[in-house]
Amino acid sequence: MLSLSTGLQMALVGNAGFSMAMGGGLIRIYSGPRPASADLPIPSTALELARITTMGRTFYPGNDTEGAGLFFRILPPGIVENDGRWGLVGVRAGQASWFRWNWWNLDSNAESYSIPRIDGDVVVTGEIGDIYLPSKTIAPSMSYFIDTFVASFGNI
């Protein structure tokens, strides 16, 4: 089940909305335990294994000159679908277990109740979770495109 940070929940009920809060961000894939809340820091035992950006480009928080940030379409009733070609690039070997979708600006991933974030589980076909990958095994040099990303916020 997705975990929305307090910062994202506040954006959703405030003037920012989902697109302004999360548009242009990136998804980081981790091994190890997932924090109990997206407000909490990344556990010290979790390792970043991969990043998902537009076309697998390098992401520069707050200054995305490469056009790497993730964008999406909003469809009724509360569906988010990728807009453009999202690409996963491995940065370390390991077994993926969860992800954090960071917003477009700087985020040290420390405890925060104001920064918009989403945490979710990584799964493969046949499992129930939040983001599907062809395999949970990540290698540092691997890359592939994610043709479809769909998330439903209709029943959160």
Protein backbone atom coordinates (compact mmCIF):
# COMPACT_ATOMS: atom_id res chain seq x y z
CA MET A 1 0.00 0.00 0.00
CA LEU A 2 1.26 3.47 -0.85
CA SER A 3 2.38 5.75 1.98
CA LEU A 4 1.90 9.46 1.31
CA SER A 5 4.02 11.89 3.32
CA THR A 6 2.37 14.59 5.40
CA GLY A 7 3.84 17.14 2.97
CA LEU A 8 2.09 15.49 0.02
CA GLN A 9 -1.18 15.14 1.92
CA MET A 10 -1.06 18.85 2.72
CA ALA A 11 -0.36 19.67 -0.94
CA LEU A 12 -3.33 17.57 -2.01
CA VAL A 13 -5.75 19.45 0.22
CA GLY A 14 -4.05 22.82 -0.36
CA ASN A 15 -3.38 24.87 -3.46
CA ALA A 16 -0.51 22.79 -4.89
CA GLY A 17 -2.23 19.53 -5.82
CA PHE A 18 -0.54 16.30 -6.90
CA SER A 19 0.87 17.55 -10.21
CA MET A 20 2.63 20.55 -8.70
CA ALA A 21 3.94 18.55 -5.74
CA MET A 22 5.25 15.46 -7.55
CA GLY A 23 5.61 16.50 -11.20
CA GLY A 24 9.25 16.58 -12.28
CA GLY A 25 10.47 14.29 -9.47
CA LEU A 26 12.11 10.88 -9.58
CA ILE A 27 11.63 7.38 -8.18
CA ARG A 28 14.43 5.66 -6.26
CA ILE A 29 14.37 1.89 -5.79
CA TYR A 30 15.73 0.47 -2.50
CA SER A 31 16.60 -2.83 -0.90
CA GLY A 32 16.00 -3.56 2.74
CA PRO A 33 13.24 -2.41 5.05
CA ARG A 34 10.77 0.29 4.10
CA PRO A 35 10.14 3.07 6.64
CA ALA A 36 6.80 2.97 8.45
CA SER A 37 5.93 6.35 6.89
CA ALA A 38 7.08 8.45 3.93
CA ASP A 39 7.78 11.19 6.52
CA LEU A 40 10.59 9.10 8.00
CA PRO A 41 14.22 8.85 6.85
CA ILE A 42 15.55 6.03 4.73
CA PRO A 43 16.66 3.24 7.10
CA SER A 44 20.44 2.92 7.37
CA THR A 45 20.20 -0.71 6.19
CA ALA A 46 18.33 0.21 2.97
CA LEU A 47 20.49 0.66 -0.13
CA GLU A 48 19.57 2.68 -3.21
CA LEU A 49 19.65 0.25 -6.13
CA ALA A 50 18.16 2.18 -9.07
CA ARG A 51 16.56 5.40 -10.23
CA ILE A 52 13.60 5.92 -12.51
CA THR A 53 13.64 9.13 -14.55
CA THR A 54 12.46 10.26 -17.97
CA MET A 55 14.49 8.28 -20.52
CA GLY A 56 16.84 7.19 -17.70
CA ARG A 57 18.51 10.60 -17.72
CA THR A 58 20.51 11.98 -14.78
CA PHE A 59 18.28 13.91 -12.37
CA TYR A 60 19.42 17.14 -10.72
CA PRO A 61 16.99 18.09 -7.91
CA GLY A 62 15.77 21.67 -8.12
CA ASN A 63 17.65 22.27 -11.41
CA ASP A 64 16.57 19.61 -13.88
CA THR A 65 18.39 20.90 -16.97
CA GLU A 66 18.48 17.37 -18.46
CA GLY A 67 14.68 16.97 -18.51
CA ALA A 68 14.94 13.86 -16.35
CA GLY A 69 12.01 14.58 -14.02
CA LEU A 70 8.97 12.33 -14.21
CA PHE A 71 5.72 13.71 -15.58
CA PHE A 72 2.31 12.11 -15.78
CA ARG A 73 -1.26 12.46 -16.90
CA ILE A 74 -4.14 12.62 -14.43
CA LEU A 75 -7.17 10.56 -15.44
CA PRO A 76 -10.52 10.14 -13.67
CA PRO A 77 -11.16 8.88 -11.02
CA GLY A 78 -7.79 9.74 -9.47
CA ILE A 79 -5.49 7.76 -11.79
CA VAL A 80 -1.88 8.80 -12.44
CA GLU A 81 -0.32 7.48 -15.66
CA ASN A 82 3.21 8.06 -16.97
CA ASP A 83 3.61 10.75 -19.60
CA GLY A 84 6.72 10.18 -21.69
CA ARG A 85 9.12 7.28 -21.50
CA TRP A 86 10.31 6.43 -18.01
CA GLY A 87 13.60 4.56 -17.71
CA LEU A 88 15.16 2.61 -14.84
CA VAL A 89 18.95 2.76 -14.42
CA GLY A 90 20.70 0.54 -11.88
CA VAL A 91 23.24 2.12 -9.53
CA ARG A 92 24.03 -0.85 -7.21
CA ALA A 93 23.45 -4.61 -7.15
CA GLY A 94 20.78 -6.01 -4.88
CA GLN A 95 17.19 -7.15 -4.42
CA ALA A 96 14.59 -4.41 -4.79
CA SER A 97 11.91 -4.27 -2.10
CA TRP A 98 10.46 -0.73 -2.04
CA PHE A 99 10.60 2.70 -3.66
CA ARG A 100 10.45 6.35 -2.71
CA TRP A 101 9.03 8.86 -5.19
CA ASN A 102 10.78 12.13 -4.37
CA TRP A 103 9.47 15.51 -5.45
CA TRP A 104 11.30 17.76 -7.95
CA ASN A 105 13.28 19.79 -5.39
CA LEU A 106 16.09 18.91 -2.99
CA ASP A 107 15.26 16.14 -0.51
CA SER A 108 17.90 14.71 1.81
CA ASN A 109 15.43 11.93 2.74
CA ALA A 110 15.73 12.91 6.40
CA GLU A 111 12.62 13.01 8.59
CA SER A 112 10.26 15.63 7.17
CA TYR A 113 6.60 16.49 7.61
CA SER A 114 6.61 19.10 4.84
CA ILE A 115 8.36 17.48 1.84
CA PRO A 116 6.07 15.63 -0.62
CA ARG A 117 7.00 11.93 -1.01
CA ILE A 118 5.43 8.58 -1.77
CA ASP A 119 6.72 5.21 -0.56
CA GLY A 120 5.52 1.90 -1.97
CA ASP A 121 6.37 -1.76 -2.45
CA VAL A 122 8.24 -3.19 -5.46
CA VAL A 123 6.66 -6.35 -6.84
CA VAL A 124 6.96 -8.66 -9.83
CA THR A 125 4.18 -10.25 -11.88
CA GLY A 126 1.87 -12.33 -9.72
CA GLU A 127 2.47 -10.27 -6.57
CA ILE A 128 0.33 -7.47 -5.20
CA GLY A 129 2.06 -4.15 -4.68
CA ASP A 130 2.63 -0.65 -5.92
CA ILE A 131 5.24 -0.72 -8.69
CA TYR A 132 5.86 -3.72 -10.94
CA LEU A 133 9.34 -4.51 -12.24
CA PRO A 134 10.33 -7.40 -14.54
CA SER A 135 12.64 -8.65 -11.77
CA LYS A 136 13.59 -7.59 -8.26
CA THR A 137 17.24 -8.30 -9.06
CA ILE A 138 19.01 -5.04 -9.89
CA ALA A 139 22.53 -4.71 -11.33
CA PRO A 140 24.55 -1.48 -11.43
CA SER A 141 24.77 -1.31 -15.21
CA MET A 142 21.23 -2.39 -16.08
CA SER A 143 18.73 -0.13 -17.76
CA TYR A 144 15.29 -0.62 -19.27
CA PHE A 145 12.20 1.38 -20.05
CA ILE A 146 9.04 1.27 -18.01
CA ASP A 147 6.35 1.33 -20.64
CA THR A 148 3.42 1.61 -18.26
CA PHE A 149 3.10 3.23 -14.86
CA VAL A 150 -0.38 3.57 -13.41
CA ALA A 151 -1.27 4.46 -9.84
CA SER A 152 -4.76 4.86 -8.44
CA PHE A 153 -5.44 7.36 -5.69
CA GLY A 154 -9.19 6.90 -5.88
CA ASN A 155 -9.56 4.84 -2.69
CA ILE A 156 -6.75 6.04 -0.43
